[in-house]
Structures are given as C-alpha cells and as structure tokens.
Amino acid sequence: ILVNIFGGIAKCDTIAEALIAAAREIGFKVPVVVRLEGTNVERARELLAEANIDVLVPADDLTDAAKKVCAQVA
C-alpha cells in the first residue's frame, strides 16, 4: 500500500498519528509505504520513526516511495 499525502489542510503529524494508531489497533498485514509532505512533516517523520512499526515504511519523496513499494513486492 502506498500512502501519498500532501498535507496543506490536513497536518502531516495528524495523518502519521492516525496511521500509527491504525497499525497498532488493526495490524496491517502488508507493508504501508508512507510519503508525507506539507505542514508538520518533520514531526510526522519523527512520530513514524519513534513508533518503530515495521510495516510503516517512511519515504522521503515520491521517487523514494515508488522504489520502496517495488522493493516490498519483489
């Protein structure tokens, strides 16, 4: 799964918190590559790193995200 968000209205840290909560509560069965850009993106990246959830795979940009998606399905 690829989550690609440009957070202009929705803050990236809020989206990261929701993804972390979903991963903990539901438990994703497949990797989720997460590319965030916009408001509070640095905090969002910190939250994803601190959560230490293996299935949430952060990406720096869209190219990096595409490469990580390909690596996950290979």
PDB file of N, CA and C in Angstrom:
ATOM      1  N   ILE A   1       0.861  -1.172   0.000  1.00  0.00           N
ATOM      2  CA  ILE A   1       0.000   0.000   0.000  1.00  0.00           C
ATOM      3  C   ILE A   1       0.904   1.230   0.000  1.00  0.00           C
ATOM      4  N   LEU A   2       0.536   2.221  -0.798  1.00  0.00           N
ATOM      5  CA  LEU A   2       1.254   3.499  -0.818  1.00  0.00           C
ATOM      6  C   LEU A   2       0.314   4.591  -0.346  1.00  0.00           C
ATOM      7  N   VAL A   3       0.720   5.290   0.707  1.00  0.00           N
ATOM      8  CA  VAL A   3       0.003   6.466   1.183  1.00  0.00           C
ATOM      9  C   VAL A   3       0.843   7.661   0.772  1.00  0.00           C
ATOM     10  N   ASN A   4       0.289   8.511  -0.085  1.00  0.00           N
ATOM     11  CA  ASN A   4       0.997   9.682  -0.593  1.00  0.00           C
ATOM     12  C   ASN A   4       0.144  10.906  -0.286  1.00  0.00           C
ATOM     13  N   ILE A   5       0.566  11.694   0.695  1.00  0.00           N
ATOM     14  CA  ILE A   5      -0.234  12.824   1.165  1.00  0.00           C
ATOM     15  C   ILE A   5       0.560  14.114   1.053  1.00  0.00           C
ATOM     16  N   PHE A   6      -0.068  15.111   0.458  1.00  0.00           N
ATOM     17  CA  PHE A   6       0.445  16.476   0.528  1.00  0.00           C
ATOM     18  C   PHE A   6      -0.480  17.205   1.484  1.00  0.00           C
ATOM     19  N   GLY A   7       0.016  17.430   2.700  1.00  0.00           N
ATOM     20  CA  GLY A   7      -0.819  17.986   3.763  1.00  0.00           C
ATOM     21  C   GLY A   7      -0.842  19.499   3.774  1.00  0.00           C
ATOM     22  N   GLY A   8      -1.754  20.078   3.044  1.00  0.00           N
ATOM     23  CA  GLY A   8      -1.944  21.519   3.075  1.00  0.00           C
ATOM     24  C   GLY A   8      -3.002  21.892   4.089  1.00  0.00           C
ATOM     25  N   ILE A   9      -4.084  21.136   4.088  1.00  0.00           N
ATOM     26  CA  ILE A   9      -5.166  21.366   5.040  1.00  0.00           C
ATOM     27  C   ILE A   9      -4.996  20.427   6.231  1.00  0.00           C
ATOM     28  N   ALA A  10      -4.870  19.151   5.944  1.00  0.00           N
ATOM     29  CA  ALA A  10      -4.623  18.171   6.999  1.00  0.00           C
ATOM     30  C   ALA A  10      -3.137  18.194   7.341  1.00  0.00           C
ATOM     31  N   LYS A  11      -2.827  18.226   8.620  1.00  0.00           N
ATOM     32  CA  LYS A  11      -1.431  18.269   9.054  1.00  0.00           C
ATOM     33  C   LYS A  11      -0.820  16.872   8.977  1.00  0.00           C
ATOM     34  N   CYS A  12       0.407  16.821   8.524  1.00  0.00           N
ATOM     35  CA  CYS A  12       1.099  15.539   8.341  1.00  0.00           C
ATOM     36  C   CYS A  12       1.245  14.775   9.649  1.00  0.00           C
ATOM     37  N   ASP A  13       1.479  15.472  10.760  1.00  0.00           N
ATOM     38  CA  ASP A  13       1.623  14.772  12.033  1.00  0.00           C
ATOM     39  C   ASP A  13       0.309  14.117  12.452  1.00  0.00           C
ATOM     40  N   THR A  14      -0.815  14.745  12.136  1.00  0.00           N
ATOM     41  CA  THR A  14      -2.121  14.156  12.431  1.00  0.00           C
ATOM     42  C   THR A  14      -2.324  12.886  11.609  1.00  0.00           C
ATOM     43  N   ILE A  15      -1.925  12.923  10.361  1.00  0.00           N
ATOM     44  CA  ILE A  15      -2.040  11.749   9.490  1.00  0.00           C
ATOM     45  C   ILE A  15      -1.127  10.634   9.996  1.00  0.00           C
ATOM     46  N   ALA A  16       0.095  10.984  10.386  1.00  0.00           N
ATOM     47  CA  ALA A  16       1.025   9.984  10.921  1.00  0.00           C
ATOM     48  C   ALA A  16       0.463   9.344  12.186  1.00  0.00           C
ATOM     49  N   GLU A  17      -0.108  10.158  13.069  1.00  0.00           N
ATOM     50  CA  GLU A  17      -0.701   9.619  14.298  1.00  0.00           C
ATOM     51  C   GLU A  17      -1.831   8.643  13.979  1.00  0.00           C
ATOM     52  N   ALA A  18      -2.644   8.972  12.981  1.00  0.00           N
ATOM     53  CA  ALA A  18      -3.748   8.089  12.590  1.00  0.00           C
ATOM     54  C   ALA A  18      -3.228   6.774  12.007  1.00  0.00           C
ATOM     55  N   LEU A  19      -2.194   6.847  11.183  1.00  0.00           N
ATOM     56  CA  LEU A  19      -1.608   5.628  10.616  1.00  0.00           C
ATOM     57  C   LEU A  19      -1.003   4.749  11.701  1.00  0.00           C
ATOM     58  N   ILE A  20      -0.331   5.365  12.654  1.00  0.00           N
ATOM     59  CA  ILE A  20       0.271   4.621  13.765  1.00  0.00           C
ATOM     60  C   ILE A  20      -0.818   3.947  14.593  1.00  0.00           C
ATOM     61  N   ALA A  21      -1.870   4.689  14.908  1.00  0.00           N
ATOM     62  CA  ALA A  21      -2.976   4.122  15.687  1.00  0.00           C
ATOM     63  C   ALA A  21      -3.623   2.956  14.945  1.00  0.00           C
ATOM     64  N   ALA A  22      -3.843   3.120  13.651  1.00  0.00           N
ATOM     65  CA  ALA A  22      -4.449   2.047  12.853  1.00  0.00           C
ATOM     66  C   ALA A  22      -3.549   0.819  12.816  1.00  0.00           C
ATOM     67  N   ALA A  23      -2.258   1.036  12.654  1.00  0.00           N
ATOM     68  CA  ALA A  23      -1.318  -0.090  12.616  1.00  0.00           C
ATOM     69  C   ALA A  23      -1.330  -0.848  13.936  1.00  0.00           C
ATOM     70  N   ARG A  24      -1.439  -0.124  15.040  1.00  0.00           N
ATOM     71  CA  ARG A  24      -1.445  -0.774  16.354  1.00  0.00           C
ATOM     72  C   ARG A  24      -2.777  -1.459  16.641  1.00  0.00           C
ATOM     73  N   GLU A  25      -3.868  -0.820  16.271  1.00  0.00           N
ATOM     74  CA  GLU A  25      -5.188  -1.358  16.589  1.00  0.00           C
ATOM     75  C   GLU A  25      -5.626  -2.462  15.628  1.00  0.00           C
ATOM     76  N   ILE A  26      -5.400  -2.254  14.345  1.00  0.00           N
ATOM     77  CA  ILE A  26      -5.869  -3.197  13.334  1.00  0.00           C
ATOM     78  C   ILE A  26      -4.788  -4.207  12.988  1.00  0.00           C
ATOM     79  N   GLY A  27      -3.556  -3.699  12.880  1.00  0.00           N
ATOM     80  CA  GLY A  27      -2.444  -4.552  12.485  1.00  0.00           C
ATOM     81  C   GLY A  27      -2.456  -4.787  10.991  1.00  0.00           C
ATOM     82  N   PHE A  28      -1.713  -3.984  10.260  1.00  0.00           N
ATOM     83  CA  PHE A  28      -1.642  -4.137   8.812  1.00  0.00           C
ATOM     84  C   PHE A  28      -0.932  -5.438   8.473  1.00  0.00           C
ATOM     85  N   LYS A  29      -1.458  -6.154   7.505  1.00  0.00           N
ATOM     86  CA  LYS A  29      -0.863  -7.426   7.098  1.00  0.00           C
ATOM     87  C   LYS A  29       0.124  -7.266   5.949  1.00  0.00           C
ATOM     88  N   VAL A  30       0.154  -6.088   5.357  1.00  0.00           N
ATOM     89  CA  VAL A  30       1.086  -5.784   4.269  1.00  0.00           C
ATOM     90  C   VAL A  30       1.798  -4.475   4.602  1.00  0.00           C
ATOM     91  N   PRO A  31       2.975  -4.262   4.037  1.00  0.00           N
ATOM     92  CA  PRO A  31       3.689  -3.008   4.283  1.00  0.00           C
ATOM     93  C   PRO A  31       2.912  -1.799   3.749  1.00  0.00           C
ATOM     94  N   VAL A  32       3.043  -0.690   4.453  1.00  0.00           N
ATOM     95  CA  VAL A  32       2.420   0.569   4.055  1.00  0.00           C
ATOM     96  C   VAL A  32       3.542   1.592   3.893  1.00  0.00           C
ATOM     97  N   VAL A  33       3.839   1.946   2.649  1.00  0.00           N
ATOM     98  CA  VAL A  33       4.853   2.960   2.368  1.00  0.00           C
ATOM     99  C   VAL A  33       4.176   4.316   2.521  1.00  0.00           C
ATOM    100  N   VAL A  34       4.776   5.180   3.335  1.00  0.00           N
ATOM    101  CA  VAL A  34       4.158   6.460   3.687  1.00  0.00           C
ATOM    102  C   VAL A  34       5.032   7.604   3.203  1.00  0.00           C
ATOM    103  N   ARG A  35       4.486   8.393   2.273  1.00  0.00           N
ATOM    104  CA  ARG A  35       5.163   9.600   1.791  1.00  0.00           C
ATOM    105  C   ARG A  35       4.302  10.790   2.188  1.00  0.00           C
ATOM    106  N   LEU A  36       4.835  11.632   3.051  1.00  0.00           N
ATOM    107  CA  LEU A  36       4.124  12.813   3.522  1.00  0.00           C
ATOM    108  C   LEU A  36       4.908  14.061   3.158  1.00  0.00           C
ATOM    109  N   GLU A  37       4.194  15.109   2.812  1.00  0.00           N
ATOM    110  CA  GLU A  37       4.812  16.407   2.531  1.00  0.00           C
ATOM    111  C   GLU A  37       3.806  17.474   2.928  1.00  0.00           C
ATOM    112  N   GLY A  38       4.294  18.526   3.579  1.00  0.00           N
ATOM    113  CA  GLY A  38       3.400  19.620   3.950  1.00  0.00           C
ATOM    114  C   GLY A  38       3.570  20.034   5.401  1.00  0.00           C
ATOM    115  N   THR A  39       2.499  20.548   5.972  1.00  0.00           N
ATOM    116  CA  THR A  39       2.505  21.099   7.322  1.00  0.00           C
ATOM    117  C   THR A  39       2.891  20.037   8.347  1.00  0.00           C
ATOM    118  N   ASN A  40       3.871  20.358   9.181  1.00  0.00           N
ATOM    119  CA  ASN A  40       4.361  19.498  10.269  1.00  0.00           C
ATOM    120  C   ASN A  40       4.965  18.179   9.787  1.00  0.00           C
ATOM    121  N   VAL A  41       5.552  18.190   8.595  1.00  0.00           N
ATOM    122  CA  VAL A  41       6.111  16.950   8.046  1.00  0.00           C
ATOM    123  C   VAL A  41       7.281  16.427   8.884  1.00  0.00           C
ATOM    124  N   GLU A  42       8.094  17.305   9.432  1.00  0.00           N
ATOM    125  CA  GLU A  42       9.230  16.839  10.242  1.00  0.00           C
ATOM    126  C   GLU A  42       8.744  16.104  11.482  1.00  0.00           C
ATOM    127  N   ARG A  43       7.729  16.644  12.133  1.00  0.00           N
ATOM    128  CA  ARG A  43       7.162  15.986  13.316  1.00  0.00           C
ATOM    129  C   ARG A  43       6.553  14.636  12.924  1.00  0.00           C
ATOM    130  N   ALA A  44       5.903  14.596  11.774  1.00  0.00           N
ATOM    131  CA  ALA A  44       5.311  13.344  11.293  1.00  0.00           C
ATOM    132  C   ALA A  44       6.388  12.285  11.092  1.00  0.00           C
ATOM    133  N   ARG A  45       7.506  12.680  10.514  1.00  0.00           N
ATOM    134  CA  ARG A  45       8.609  11.731  10.303  1.00  0.00           C
ATOM    135  C   ARG A  45       9.158  11.231  11.633  1.00  0.00           C
ATOM    136  N   GLU A  46       9.252  12.137  12.611  1.00  0.00           N
ATOM    137  CA  GLU A  46       9.708  11.738  13.945  1.00  0.00           C
ATOM    138  C   GLU A  46       8.745  10.724  14.563  1.00  0.00           C
ATOM    139  N   LEU A  47       7.456  11.000  14.462  1.00  0.00           N
ATOM    140  CA  LEU A  47       6.450  10.096  15.026  1.00  0.00           C
ATOM    141  C   LEU A  47       6.539   8.708  14.405  1.00  0.00           C
ATOM    142  N   LEU A  48       6.673   8.648  13.083  1.00  0.00           N
ATOM    143  CA  LEU A  48       6.778   7.352  12.410  1.00  0.00           C
ATOM    144  C   LEU A  48       8.033   6.606  12.850  1.00  0.00           C
ATOM    145  N   ALA A  49       9.143   7.320  12.993  1.00  0.00           N
ATOM    146  CA  ALA A  49      10.390   6.683  13.427  1.00  0.00           C
ATOM    147  C   ALA A  49      10.283   6.192  14.870  1.00  0.00           C
ATOM    148  N   GLU A  50       9.713   7.020  15.740  1.00  0.00           N
ATOM    149  CA  GLU A  50       9.581   6.665  17.153  1.00  0.00           C
ATOM    150  C   GLU A  50       8.617   5.503  17.365  1.00  0.00           C
ATOM    151  N   ALA A  51       7.616   5.386  16.501  1.00  0.00           N
ATOM    152  CA  ALA A  51       6.622   4.316  16.642  1.00  0.00           C
ATOM    153  C   ALA A  51       7.250   2.943  16.435  1.00  0.00           C
ATOM    154  N   ASN A  52       8.297   2.888  15.604  1.00  0.00           N
ATOM    155  CA  ASN A  52       9.030   1.640  15.369  1.00  0.00           C
ATOM    156  C   ASN A  52       8.100   0.486  14.966  1.00  0.00           C
ATOM    157  N   ILE A  53       7.243   0.773  13.986  1.00  0.00           N
ATOM    158  CA  ILE A  53       6.320  -0.236  13.467  1.00  0.00           C
ATOM    159  C   ILE A  53       6.841  -0.651  12.093  1.00  0.00           C
ATOM    160  N   ASP A  54       7.269  -1.902  11.998  1.00  0.00           N
ATOM    161  CA  ASP A  54       7.945  -2.385  10.791  1.00  0.00           C
ATOM    162  C   ASP A  54       7.137  -2.226   9.508  1.00  0.00           C
ATOM    163  N   VAL A  55       5.817  -2.374   9.582  1.00  0.00           N
ATOM    164  CA  VAL A  55       5.015  -2.309   8.356  1.00  0.00           C
ATOM    165  C   VAL A  55       4.798  -0.883   7.862  1.00  0.00           C
ATOM    166  N   LEU A  56       5.084   0.124   8.677  1.00  0.00           N
ATOM    167  CA  LEU A  56       5.017   1.516   8.231  1.00  0.00           C
ATOM    168  C   LEU A  56       6.396   1.904   7.722  1.00  0.00           C
ATOM    169  N   VAL A  57       6.501   2.079   6.416  1.00  0.00           N
ATOM    170  CA  VAL A  57       7.782   2.332   5.761  1.00  0.00           C
ATOM    171  C   VAL A  57       7.805   3.782   5.274  1.00  0.00           C
ATOM    172  N   PRO A  58       8.536   4.669   5.959  1.00  0.00           N
ATOM    173  CA  PRO A  58       8.562   6.074   5.535  1.00  0.00           C
ATOM    174  C   PRO A  58       9.375   6.274   4.255  1.00  0.00           C
ATOM    175  N   ALA A  59       8.927   7.221   3.433  1.00  0.00           N
ATOM    176  CA  ALA A  59       9.628   7.567   2.193  1.00  0.00           C
ATOM    177  C   ALA A  59       9.872   9.069   2.175  1.00  0.00           C
ATOM    178  N   ASP A  60      11.016   9.467   1.615  1.00  0.00           N
ATOM    179  CA  ASP A  60      11.398  10.878   1.590  1.00  0.00           C
ATOM    180  C   ASP A  60      10.674  11.682   0.520  1.00  0.00           C
ATOM    181  N   ASP A  61      10.441  11.056  -0.628  1.00  0.00           N
ATOM    182  CA  ASP A  61       9.773  11.743  -1.737  1.00  0.00           C
ATOM    183  C   ASP A  61       9.074  10.683  -2.581  1.00  0.00           C
ATOM    184  N   LEU A  62       8.420  11.119  -3.650  1.00  0.00           N
ATOM    185  CA  LEU A  62       7.637  10.175  -4.449  1.00  0.00           C
ATOM    186  C   LEU A  62       8.511   9.135  -5.151  1.00  0.00           C
ATOM    187  N   THR A  63       9.696   9.529  -5.598  1.00  0.00           N
ATOM    188  CA  THR A  63      10.613   8.570  -6.224  1.00  0.00           C
ATOM    189  C   THR A  63      11.039   7.509  -5.218  1.00  0.00           C
ATOM    190  N   ASP A  64      11.408   7.957  -4.023  1.00  0.00           N
ATOM    191  CA  ASP A  64      11.789   7.037  -2.954  1.00  0.00           C
ATOM    192  C   ASP A  64      10.622   6.113  -2.608  1.00  0.00           C
ATOM    193  N   ALA A  65       9.420   6.661  -2.568  1.00  0.00           N
ATOM    194  CA  ALA A  65       8.233   5.859  -2.265  1.00  0.00           C
ATOM    195  C   ALA A  65       8.022   4.777  -3.312  1.00  0.00           C
ATOM    196  N   ALA A  66       8.145   5.131  -4.575  1.00  0.00           N
ATOM    197  CA  ALA A  66       7.964   4.155  -5.654  1.00  0.00           C
ATOM    198  C   ALA A  66       8.994   3.035  -5.548  1.00  0.00           C
ATOM    199  N   LYS A  67      10.235   3.393  -5.265  1.00  0.00           N
ATOM    200  CA  LYS A  67      11.288   2.380  -5.116  1.00  0.00           C
ATOM    201  C   LYS A  67      10.991   1.450  -3.945  1.00  0.00           C
ATOM    202  N   LYS A  68      10.505   2.024  -2.849  1.00  0.00           N
ATOM    203  CA  LYS A  68      10.218   1.211  -1.666  1.00  0.00           C
ATOM    204  C   LYS A  68       9.015   0.302  -1.893  1.00  0.00           C
ATOM    205  N   VAL A  69       8.021   0.777  -2.628  1.00  0.00           N
ATOM    206  CA  VAL A  69       6.881  -0.076  -2.967  1.00  0.00           C
ATOM    207  C   VAL A  69       7.360  -1.255  -3.809  1.00  0.00           C
ATOM    208  N   CYS A  70       8.174  -0.979  -4.816  1.00  0.00           N
ATOM    209  CA  CYS A  70       8.700  -2.050  -5.677  1.00  0.00           C
ATOM    210  C   CYS A  70       9.516  -3.047  -4.871  1.00  0.00           C
ATOM    211  N   ALA A  71      10.311  -2.558  -3.936  1.00  0.00           N
ATOM    212  CA  ALA A  71      11.127  -3.443  -3.106  1.00  0.00           C
ATOM    213  C   ALA A  71      10.249  -4.323  -2.212  1.00  0.00           C
ATOM    214  N   GLN A  72       9.130  -3.792  -1.750  1.00  0.00           N
ATOM    215  CA  GLN A  72       8.245  -4.552  -0.870  1.00  0.00           C
ATOM    216  C   GLN A  72       7.526  -5.679  -1.602  1.00  0.00           C
ATOM    217  N   VAL A  73       7.237  -5.480  -2.875  1.00  0.00           N
ATOM    218  CA  VAL A  73       6.505  -6.513  -3.620  1.00  0.00           C
ATOM    219  C   VAL A  73       7.426  -7.496  -4.333  1.00  0.00           C
ATOM    220  N   ALA A  74       8.713  -7.213  -4.338  1.00  0.00           N
ATOM    221  CA  ALA A  74       9.668  -8.093  -5.027  1.00  0.00           C
ATOM    222  C   ALA A  74       9.954  -9.338  -4.206  1.00  0.00           C
TER     223      ALA A  74
END
